[in-house]
């Protein structure tokens, strides 16, 4: 499992996309399962630790790059 230290104002969906190149529901669900401590806010704080499980994904350039605008 990789660890990522968030910057102030980042969102979990953008961290997921940068790490995996996709926002497929199974990928998002797996990351959320490992990061329940981050679900209190839609925006991450500086130095929040995001745990990124090892997942196999296929990148799809036509997919959305964020869940929220």
Protein backbone atom coordinates (compact mmCIF):
# COMPACT_ATOMS: atom_id res chain seq x y z
CA UNK A 1 0.00 0.00 0.00
CA UNK A 2 1.27 3.42 -0.95
CA UNK A 3 0.88 6.51 1.20
CA UNK A 4 0.25 10.01 -0.09
CA UNK A 5 0.43 13.19 2.00
CA UNK A 6 -2.25 15.62 0.83
CA UNK A 7 -1.78 19.32 0.21
CA UNK A 8 -4.23 21.85 1.64
CA UNK A 9 -7.42 21.98 -0.41
CA UNK A 10 -6.94 18.78 -2.42
CA UNK A 11 -9.92 16.49 -2.89
CA UNK A 12 -9.88 12.73 -2.52
CA UNK A 13 -11.32 12.18 -6.02
CA UNK A 14 -8.48 14.10 -7.65
CA UNK A 15 -5.90 12.19 -5.60
CA UNK A 16 -7.52 8.92 -6.73
CA UNK A 17 -7.46 9.99 -10.38
CA UNK A 18 -3.82 11.07 -10.20
CA UNK A 19 -2.84 7.77 -8.55
CA UNK A 20 -4.90 5.36 -10.68
CA UNK A 21 -5.90 7.26 -13.83
CA UNK A 22 -9.54 6.36 -13.33
CA UNK A 23 -12.57 7.07 -11.18
CA UNK A 24 -14.23 3.68 -11.69
CA UNK A 25 -16.57 2.90 -8.81
CA UNK A 26 -14.63 -0.17 -7.64
CA UNK A 27 -11.40 1.84 -7.45
CA UNK A 28 -13.05 4.73 -5.57
CA UNK A 29 -14.73 2.25 -3.19
CA UNK A 30 -11.43 0.49 -2.44
CA UNK A 31 -9.66 3.77 -1.66
CA UNK A 32 -12.55 5.01 0.51
CA UNK A 33 -12.49 1.73 2.43
CA UNK A 34 -8.86 2.43 3.39
CA UNK A 35 -9.49 6.14 4.14
CA UNK A 36 -12.66 6.38 6.21
CA UNK A 37 -10.84 8.87 8.43
CA UNK A 38 -10.97 11.37 5.54
CA UNK A 39 -14.74 11.29 4.99
CA UNK A 40 -15.51 14.10 7.44
CA UNK A 41 -14.89 16.77 4.79
CA UNK A 42 -14.99 17.05 1.00
CA UNK A 43 -11.64 18.88 1.03
CA UNK A 44 -8.41 17.46 2.45
CA UNK A 45 -6.23 19.33 4.90
CA UNK A 46 -2.49 19.76 4.58
CA UNK A 47 -0.65 16.61 5.63
CA UNK A 48 -3.74 14.36 5.65
CA UNK A 49 -2.45 10.87 4.93
CA UNK A 50 -4.18 9.09 2.04
CA UNK A 51 -3.67 5.32 1.85
CA UNK A 52 -3.64 4.00 -1.71
CA UNK A 53 -4.11 0.23 -2.01
CA UNK A 54 -2.41 -1.70 -4.81
CA UNK A 55 -5.06 -2.07 -7.52
CA UNK A 56 -4.96 -3.10 -11.17
CA UNK A 57 -6.70 -0.53 -13.35
CA UNK A 58 -7.06 0.34 -17.01
CA UNK A 59 -6.72 4.01 -17.87
CA UNK A 60 -9.51 5.44 -20.01
CA UNK A 61 -8.81 8.92 -21.36
CA UNK A 62 -12.49 9.50 -22.15
CA UNK A 63 -13.46 9.15 -18.48
CA UNK A 64 -14.23 12.01 -16.13
CA UNK A 65 -11.23 13.26 -14.16
CA UNK A 66 -13.18 14.47 -11.10
CA UNK A 67 -16.35 13.45 -9.30
CA UNK A 68 -17.15 17.01 -8.23
CA UNK A 69 -16.60 20.25 -10.08
